[in-house]
C-alpha cells in the first residue's frame, strides 16, 4: 500500500517527508485537531500571524489540553530522532 507523504521541515530546518499514517496515529491520541491544507478550517488556522515571516506551515495542530501538547512534543522528538 502506498502511503501519502507530507513534506515538512525537521528541527534542523532540513526538508523531510512525514508519513501520513504516522500523523494519523498522532491524531488518534489527541483531543484537539490536526489540520491540513485541504481542511475547511485551514485558511484561518494557517493565517499569517507574523508578517515578518511569511511561511506556510505543512500541518497545523490545535491542541486542546496539556496532554495534547505533550503528545505533539513527543511525536516531534520521535520523528526527528
PDB file of N, CA and C in Angstrom:
ATOM      1  N   UNK A   1       0.843  -1.177   0.000  1.00  0.00           N
ATOM      2  CA  UNK A   1       0.000   0.000   0.000  1.00  0.00           C
ATOM      3  C   UNK A   1       0.891   1.244   0.000  1.00  0.00           C
ATOM      4  N   UNK A   2       0.592   2.185  -0.857  1.00  0.00           N
ATOM      5  CA  UNK A   2       1.371   3.407  -0.977  1.00  0.00           C
ATOM      6  C   UNK A   2       0.799   4.462  -0.037  1.00  0.00           C
ATOM      7  N   UNK A   3       1.594   4.878   0.919  1.00  0.00           N
ATOM      8  CA  UNK A   3       1.131   5.839   1.919  1.00  0.00           C
ATOM      9  C   UNK A   3       1.440   7.262   1.471  1.00  0.00           C
ATOM     10  N   UNK A   4       0.545   8.170   1.761  1.00  0.00           N
ATOM     11  CA  UNK A   4       0.752   9.578   1.443  1.00  0.00           C
ATOM     12  C   UNK A   4       1.896  10.141   2.284  1.00  0.00           C
ATOM     13  N   UNK A   5       2.692  10.988   1.677  1.00  0.00           N
ATOM     14  CA  UNK A   5       3.803  11.638   2.348  1.00  0.00           C
ATOM     15  C   UNK A   5       3.547  13.147   2.357  1.00  0.00           C
ATOM     16  N   UNK A   6       3.913  13.797   3.455  1.00  0.00           N
ATOM     17  CA  UNK A   6       3.757  15.243   3.592  1.00  0.00           C
ATOM     18  C   UNK A   6       5.141  15.832   3.796  1.00  0.00           C
ATOM     19  N   UNK A   7       5.501  16.815   2.986  1.00  0.00           N
ATOM     20  CA  UNK A   7       6.811  17.442   3.125  1.00  0.00           C
ATOM     21  C   UNK A   7       6.761  18.455   4.257  1.00  0.00           C
ATOM     22  N   UNK A   8       7.664  18.285   5.236  1.00  0.00           N
ATOM     23  CA  UNK A   8       7.746  19.153   6.411  1.00  0.00           C
ATOM     24  C   UNK A   8       9.207  19.552   6.624  1.00  0.00           C
ATOM     25  N   UNK A   9       9.425  20.476   7.542  1.00  0.00           N
ATOM     26  CA  UNK A   9      10.785  20.830   7.944  1.00  0.00           C
ATOM     27  C   UNK A   9      11.086  20.158   9.275  1.00  0.00           C
ATOM     28  N   UNK A  10      12.261  19.562   9.382  1.00  0.00           N
ATOM     29  CA  UNK A  10      12.692  18.949  10.623  1.00  0.00           C
ATOM     30  C   UNK A  10      13.172  20.014  11.597  1.00  0.00           C
ATOM     31  N   UNK A  11      13.532  19.592  12.789  1.00  0.00           N
ATOM     32  CA  UNK A  11      14.022  20.536  13.797  1.00  0.00           C
ATOM     33  C   UNK A  11      15.286  21.250  13.334  1.00  0.00           C
ATOM     34  N   UNK A  12      16.043  20.610  12.438  1.00  0.00           N
ATOM     35  CA  UNK A  12      17.261  21.220  11.919  1.00  0.00           C
ATOM     36  C   UNK A  12      16.993  22.129  10.723  1.00  0.00           C
ATOM     37  N   UNK A  13      15.720  22.259  10.333  1.00  0.00           N
ATOM     38  CA  UNK A  13      15.350  23.109   9.206  1.00  0.00           C
ATOM     39  C   UNK A  13      15.408  22.410   7.859  1.00  0.00           C
ATOM     40  N   UNK A  14      15.912  21.195   7.845  1.00  0.00           N
ATOM     41  CA  UNK A  14      16.005  20.431   6.605  1.00  0.00           C
ATOM     42  C   UNK A  14      14.637  19.852   6.241  1.00  0.00           C
ATOM     43  N   UNK A  15      14.361  19.774   4.953  1.00  0.00           N
ATOM     44  CA  UNK A  15      13.112  19.208   4.463  1.00  0.00           C
ATOM     45  C   UNK A  15      13.122  17.695   4.660  1.00  0.00           C
ATOM     46  N   UNK A  16      11.980  17.157   5.059  1.00  0.00           N
ATOM     47  CA  UNK A  16      11.846  15.708   5.204  1.00  0.00           C
ATOM     48  C   UNK A  16      10.422  15.309   4.876  1.00  0.00           C
ATOM     49  N   UNK A  17      10.209  14.033   4.646  1.00  0.00           N
ATOM     50  CA  UNK A  17       8.874  13.529   4.356  1.00  0.00           C
ATOM     51  C   UNK A  17       8.302  12.873   5.607  1.00  0.00           C
ATOM     52  N   UNK A  18       7.079  13.229   5.922  1.00  0.00           N
ATOM     53  CA  UNK A  18       6.358  12.674   7.065  1.00  0.00           C
ATOM     54  C   UNK A  18       5.275  11.751   6.525  1.00  0.00           C
ATOM     55  N   UNK A  19       5.269  10.531   6.995  1.00  0.00           N
ATOM     56  CA  UNK A  19       4.283   9.560   6.563  1.00  0.00           C
ATOM     57  C   UNK A  19       2.917   9.934   7.141  1.00  0.00           C
ATOM     58  N   UNK A  20       1.919  10.041   6.298  1.00  0.00           N
ATOM     59  CA  UNK A  20       0.570  10.433   6.722  1.00  0.00           C
ATOM     60  C   UNK A  20       0.016   9.469   7.774  1.00  0.00           C
ATOM     61  N   UNK A  21       0.361   8.197   7.672  1.00  0.00           N
ATOM     62  CA  UNK A  21      -0.116   7.214   8.654  1.00  0.00           C
ATOM     63  C   UNK A  21       0.411   7.553  10.051  1.00  0.00           C
ATOM     64  N   UNK A  22       1.652   8.037  10.143  1.00  0.00           N
ATOM     65  CA  UNK A  22       2.213   8.438  11.440  1.00  0.00           C
ATOM     66  C   UNK A  22       1.444   9.641  11.990  1.00  0.00           C
ATOM     67  N   UNK A  23       1.132  10.598  11.123  1.00  0.00           N
ATOM     68  CA  UNK A  23       0.375  11.772  11.545  1.00  0.00           C
ATOM     69  C   UNK A  23      -1.031  11.376  11.990  1.00  0.00           C
ATOM     70  N   UNK A  24      -1.636  10.447  11.279  1.00  0.00           N
ATOM     71  CA  UNK A  24      -2.963   9.952  11.679  1.00  0.00           C
ATOM     72  C   UNK A  24      -2.893   9.282  13.048  1.00  0.00           C
ATOM     73  N   UNK A  25      -1.800   8.563  13.313  1.00  0.00           N
ATOM     74  CA  UNK A  25      -1.610   7.933  14.618  1.00  0.00           C
ATOM     75  C   UNK A  25      -1.554   8.966  15.731  1.00  0.00           C
ATOM     76  N   UNK A  26      -0.865  10.080  15.463  1.00  0.00           N
ATOM     77  CA  UNK A  26      -0.838  11.172  16.444  1.00  0.00           C
ATOM     78  C   UNK A  26      -2.250  11.706  16.648  1.00  0.00           C
ATOM     79  N   UNK A  27      -2.981  11.907  15.584  1.00  0.00           N
ATOM     80  CA  UNK A  27      -4.341  12.438  15.670  1.00  0.00           C
ATOM     81  C   UNK A  27      -5.255  11.587  16.524  1.00  0.00           C
ATOM     82  N   UNK A  28      -5.031  10.291  16.505  1.00  0.00           N
ATOM     83  CA  UNK A  28      -5.843   9.383  17.324  1.00  0.00           C
ATOM     84  C   UNK A  28      -5.570   9.552  18.813  1.00  0.00           C
ATOM     85  N   UNK A  29      -4.402  10.111  19.162  1.00  0.00           N
ATOM     86  CA  UNK A  29      -4.043  10.311  20.574  1.00  0.00           C
ATOM     87  C   UNK A  29      -4.449  11.684  21.092  1.00  0.00           C
ATOM     88  N   UNK A  30      -4.903  12.562  20.216  1.00  0.00           N
ATOM     89  CA  UNK A  30      -5.205  13.944  20.607  1.00  0.00           C
ATOM     90  C   UNK A  30      -6.691  14.172  20.833  1.00  0.00           C
ATOM     91  N   UNK A  31      -6.983  15.081  21.749  1.00  0.00           N
ATOM     92  CA  UNK A  31      -8.345  15.602  21.891  1.00  0.00           C
ATOM     93  C   UNK A  31      -8.567  16.707  20.851  1.00  0.00           C
ATOM     94  N   UNK A  32      -7.496  17.431  20.537  1.00  0.00           N
ATOM     95  CA  UNK A  32      -7.551  18.536  19.579  1.00  0.00           C
ATOM     96  C   UNK A  32      -7.536  18.022  18.154  1.00  0.00           C
ATOM     97  N   UNK A  33      -7.264  18.937  17.223  1.00  0.00           N
ATOM     98  CA  UNK A  33      -7.347  18.614  15.798  1.00  0.00           C
ATOM     99  C   UNK A  33      -6.026  18.812  15.091  1.00  0.00           C
ATOM    100  N   UNK A  34      -5.827  18.033  14.056  1.00  0.00           N
ATOM    101  CA  UNK A  34      -4.728  18.221  13.118  1.00  0.00           C
ATOM    102  C   UNK A  34      -5.353  18.705  11.819  1.00  0.00           C
ATOM    103  N   UNK A  35      -4.843  19.818  11.315  1.00  0.00           N
ATOM    104  CA  UNK A  35      -5.382  20.392  10.086  1.00  0.00           C
ATOM    105  C   UNK A  35      -4.345  20.343   8.974  1.00  0.00           C
ATOM    106  N   UNK A  36      -4.815  20.010   7.778  1.00  0.00           N
ATOM    107  CA  UNK A  36      -4.001  20.002   6.574  1.00  0.00           C
ATOM    108  C   UNK A  36      -4.600  20.997   5.587  1.00  0.00           C
ATOM    109  N   UNK A  37      -3.846  21.376   4.556  1.00  0.00           N
ATOM    110  CA  UNK A  37      -4.339  22.394   3.620  1.00  0.00           C
ATOM    111  C   UNK A  37      -5.712  22.120   3.002  1.00  0.00           C
ATOM    112  N   UNK A  38      -6.117  20.882   2.908  1.00  0.00           N
ATOM    113  CA  UNK A  38      -7.436  20.572   2.309  1.00  0.00           C
ATOM    114  C   UNK A  38      -8.607  20.714   3.291  1.00  0.00           C
ATOM    115  N   UNK A  39      -8.320  20.968   4.576  1.00  0.00           N
ATOM    116  CA  UNK A  39      -9.377  21.105   5.579  1.00  0.00           C
ATOM    117  C   UNK A  39     -10.010  22.499   5.511  1.00  0.00           C
ATOM    118  N   UNK A  40     -11.343  22.587   5.727  1.00  0.00           N
ATOM    119  CA  UNK A  40     -12.039  23.873   5.638  1.00  0.00           C
ATOM    120  C   UNK A  40     -11.513  24.944   6.601  1.00  0.00           C
ATOM    121  N   UNK A  41     -11.015  24.536   7.770  1.00  0.00           N
ATOM    122  CA  UNK A  41     -10.535  25.494   8.771  1.00  0.00           C
ATOM    123  C   UNK A  41      -9.094  25.940   8.530  1.00  0.00           C
ATOM    124  N   UNK A  42      -8.471  25.398   7.483  1.00  0.00           N
ATOM    125  CA  UNK A  42      -7.046  25.630   7.226  1.00  0.00           C
ATOM    126  C   UNK A  42      -6.696  27.110   7.089  1.00  0.00           C
ATOM    127  N   UNK A  43      -7.419  27.838   6.269  1.00  0.00           N
ATOM    128  CA  UNK A  43      -7.068  29.234   5.983  1.00  0.00           C
ATOM    129  C   UNK A  43      -6.996  30.072   7.244  1.00  0.00           C
ATOM    130  N   UNK A  44      -7.966  29.913   8.108  1.00  0.00           N
ATOM    131  CA  UNK A  44      -7.963  30.668   9.360  1.00  0.00           C
ATOM    132  C   UNK A  44      -6.826  30.217  10.278  1.00  0.00           C
ATOM    133  N   UNK A  45      -6.626  28.912  10.383  1.00  0.00           N
ATOM    134  CA  UNK A  45      -5.615  28.377  11.293  1.00  0.00           C
ATOM    135  C   UNK A  45      -4.191  28.688  10.828  1.00  0.00           C
ATOM    136  N   UNK A  46      -3.969  28.722   9.524  1.00  0.00           N
ATOM    137  CA  UNK A  46      -2.625  28.921   8.992  1.00  0.00           C
ATOM    138  C   UNK A  46      -2.363  30.370   8.594  1.00  0.00           C
ATOM    139  N   UNK A  47      -3.284  31.259   8.932  1.00  0.00           N
ATOM    140  CA  UNK A  47      -3.123  32.674   8.578  1.00  0.00           C
ATOM    141  C   UNK A  47      -1.842  33.255   9.144  1.00  0.00           C
ATOM    142  N   UNK A  48      -1.307  34.215   8.447  1.00  0.00           N
ATOM    143  CA  UNK A  48      -0.054  34.841   8.876  1.00  0.00           C
ATOM    144  C   UNK A  48      -0.282  35.618  10.161  1.00  0.00           C
ATOM    145  N   UNK A  49       0.448  35.257  11.210  1.00  0.00           N
ATOM    146  CA  UNK A  49       0.348  35.976  12.479  1.00  0.00           C
ATOM    147  C   UNK A  49       1.565  36.839  12.687  1.00  0.00           C
ATOM    148  N   UNK A  50       2.593  36.625  11.886  1.00  0.00           N
ATOM    149  CA  UNK A  50       3.787  37.454  11.955  1.00  0.00           C
ATOM    150  C   UNK A  50       4.150  37.825  10.526  1.00  0.00           C
ATOM    151  N   UNK A  51       3.820  39.030  10.107  1.00  0.00           N
ATOM    152  CA  UNK A  51       4.066  39.483   8.748  1.00  0.00           C
ATOM    153  C   UNK A  51       5.527  39.505   8.360  1.00  0.00           C
ATOM    154  N   UNK A  52       6.437  39.460   9.338  1.00  0.00           N
ATOM    155  CA  UNK A  52       7.867  39.444   9.054  1.00  0.00           C
ATOM    156  C   UNK A  52       8.317  38.058   8.558  1.00  0.00           C
ATOM    157  N   UNK A  53       7.525  37.027   8.869  1.00  0.00           N
ATOM    158  CA  UNK A  53       7.860  35.670   8.457  1.00  0.00           C
ATOM    159  C   UNK A  53       6.649  35.101   7.725  1.00  0.00           C
ATOM    160  N   UNK A  54       6.672  35.147   6.421  1.00  0.00           N
ATOM    161  CA  UNK A  54       5.525  34.706   5.627  1.00  0.00           C
ATOM    162  C   UNK A  54       5.768  33.305   5.078  1.00  0.00           C
ATOM    163  N   UNK A  55       5.740  32.321   5.971  1.00  0.00           N
ATOM    164  CA  UNK A  55       5.881  30.929   5.573  1.00  0.00           C
ATOM    165  C   UNK A  55       4.571  30.213   5.864  1.00  0.00           C
ATOM    166  N   UNK A  56       4.264  29.236   5.049  1.00  0.00           N
ATOM    167  CA  UNK A  56       3.027  28.478   5.220  1.00  0.00           C
ATOM    168  C   UNK A  56       3.375  27.131   5.847  1.00  0.00           C
ATOM    169  N   UNK A  57       2.743  26.791   6.972  1.00  0.00           N
ATOM    170  CA  UNK A  57       3.030  25.502   7.609  1.00  0.00           C
ATOM    171  C   UNK A  57       2.480  24.340   6.781  1.00  0.00           C
ATOM    172  N   UNK A  58       3.099  23.181   6.900  1.00  0.00           N
ATOM    173  CA  UNK A  58       2.625  21.980   6.223  1.00  0.00           C
ATOM    174  C   UNK A  58       1.459  21.359   6.989  1.00  0.00           C
ATOM    175  N   UNK A  59       1.466  21.553   8.316  1.00  0.00           N
ATOM    176  CA  UNK A  59       0.471  20.964   9.209  1.00  0.00           C
ATOM    177  C   UNK A  59       0.205  21.970  10.323  1.00  0.00           C
ATOM    178  N   UNK A  60      -1.052  22.079  10.735  1.00  0.00           N
ATOM    179  CA  UNK A  60      -1.399  22.889  11.902  1.00  0.00           C
ATOM    180  C   UNK A  60      -2.021  21.951  12.925  1.00  0.00           C
ATOM    181  N   UNK A  61      -1.503  22.011  14.141  1.00  0.00           N
ATOM    182  CA  UNK A  61      -2.064  21.194  15.219  1.00  0.00           C
ATOM    183  C   UNK A  61      -2.674  22.130  16.246  1.00  0.00           C
ATOM    184  N   UNK A  62      -3.937  21.888  16.558  1.00  0.00           N
ATOM    185  CA  UNK A  62      -4.661  22.690  17.545  1.00  0.00           C
ATOM    186  C   UNK A  62      -4.892  21.843  18.790  1.00  0.00           C
ATOM    187  N   UNK A  63      -3.940  21.880  19.727  1.00  0.00           N
ATOM    188  CA  UNK A  63      -4.098  21.073  20.941  1.00  0.00           C
ATOM    189  C   UNK A  63      -5.235  21.599  21.810  1.00  0.00           C
ATOM    190  N   UNK A  64      -5.875  20.680  22.523  1.00  0.00           N
ATOM    191  CA  UNK A  64      -6.973  21.050  23.431  1.00  0.00           C
ATOM    192  C   UNK A  64      -6.595  20.924  24.893  1.00  0.00           C
ATOM    193  N   UNK A  65      -5.414  20.398  25.168  1.00  0.00           N
ATOM    194  CA  UNK A  65      -5.022  20.164  26.560  1.00  0.00           C
ATOM    195  C   UNK A  65      -3.504  20.096  26.669  1.00  0.00           C
ATOM    196  N   UNK A  66      -3.034  20.118  27.895  1.00  0.00           N
ATOM    197  CA  UNK A  66      -1.598  19.945  28.142  1.00  0.00           C
ATOM    198  C   UNK A  66      -1.150  18.563  27.669  1.00  0.00           C
ATOM    199  N   UNK A  67      -2.008  17.565  27.808  1.00  0.00           N
ATOM    200  CA  UNK A  67      -1.676  16.216  27.344  1.00  0.00           C
ATOM    201  C   UNK A  67      -1.471  16.204  25.830  1.00  0.00           C
ATOM    202  N   UNK A  68      -2.274  16.984  25.109  1.00  0.00           N
ATOM    203  CA  UNK A  68      -2.095  17.105  23.659  1.00  0.00           C
ATOM    204  C   UNK A  68      -0.733  17.711  23.334  1.00  0.00           C
ATOM    205  N   UNK A  69      -0.367  18.763  24.043  1.00  0.00           N
ATOM    206  CA  UNK A  69       0.923  19.419  23.807  1.00  0.00           C
ATOM    207  C   UNK A  69       2.058  18.421  24.046  1.00  0.00           C
ATOM    208  N   UNK A  70       1.976  17.670  25.122  1.00  0.00           N
ATOM    209  CA  UNK A  70       2.987  16.668  25.426  1.00  0.00           C
ATOM    210  C   UNK A  70       3.061  15.610  24.320  1.00  0.00           C
ATOM    211  N   UNK A  71       1.912  15.161  23.846  1.00  0.00           N
ATOM    212  CA  UNK A  71       1.885  14.156  22.778  1.00  0.00           C
ATOM    213  C   UNK A  71       2.540  14.688  21.509  1.00  0.00           C
ATOM    214  N   UNK A  72       2.300  15.967  21.192  1.00  0.00           N
ATOM    215  CA  UNK A  72       2.899  16.567  19.996  1.00  0.00           C
ATOM    216  C   UNK A  72       4.408  16.702  20.169  1.00  0.00           C
ATOM    217  N   UNK A  73       4.866  17.156  21.323  1.00  0.00           N
ATOM    218  CA  UNK A  73       6.308  17.277  21.578  1.00  0.00           C
ATOM    219  C   UNK A  73       6.972  15.905  21.472  1.00  0.00           C
ATOM    220  N   UNK A  74       6.371  14.879  22.053  1.00  0.00           N
ATOM    221  CA  UNK A  74       6.913  13.528  21.962  1.00  0.00           C
ATOM    222  C   UNK A  74       6.955  13.053  20.506  1.00  0.00           C
ATOM    223  N   UNK A  75       5.907  13.340  19.752  1.00  0.00           N
ATOM    224  CA  UNK A  75       5.845  12.952  18.348  1.00  0.00           C
ATOM    225  C   UNK A  75       6.980  13.595  17.550  1.00  0.00           C
ATOM    226  N   UNK A  76       7.203  14.892  17.767  1.00  0.00           N
ATOM    227  CA  UNK A  76       8.265  15.584  17.053  1.00  0.00           C
ATOM    228  C   UNK A  76       9.623  14.998  17.420  1.00  0.00           C
ATOM    229  N   UNK A  77       9.824  14.706  18.668  1.00  0.00           N
ATOM    230  CA  UNK A  77      11.092  14.083  19.096  1.00  0.00           C
ATOM    231  C   UNK A  77      11.293  12.740  18.409  1.00  0.00           C
ATOM    232  N   UNK A  78      10.243  11.922  18.374  1.00  0.00           N
ATOM    233  CA  UNK A  78      10.328  10.606  17.732  1.00  0.00           C
ATOM    234  C   UNK A  78      10.651  10.739  16.247  1.00  0.00           C
ATOM    235  N   UNK A  79      10.000  11.677  15.586  1.00  0.00           N
ATOM    236  CA  UNK A  79      10.186  11.865  14.152  1.00  0.00           C
ATOM    237  C   UNK A  79      11.567  12.396  13.805  1.00  0.00           C
ATOM    238  N   UNK A  80      12.195  13.098  14.727  1.00  0.00           N
ATOM    239  CA  UNK A  80      13.498  13.709  14.456  1.00  0.00           C
ATOM    240  C   UNK A  80      14.651  12.958  15.095  1.00  0.00           C
ATOM    241  N   UNK A  81      14.391  11.773  15.624  1.00  0.00           N
ATOM    242  CA  UNK A  81      15.479  11.030  16.265  1.00  0.00           C
ATOM    243  C   UNK A  81      16.232  10.191  15.259  1.00  0.00           C
TER     244      UNK A  81
END
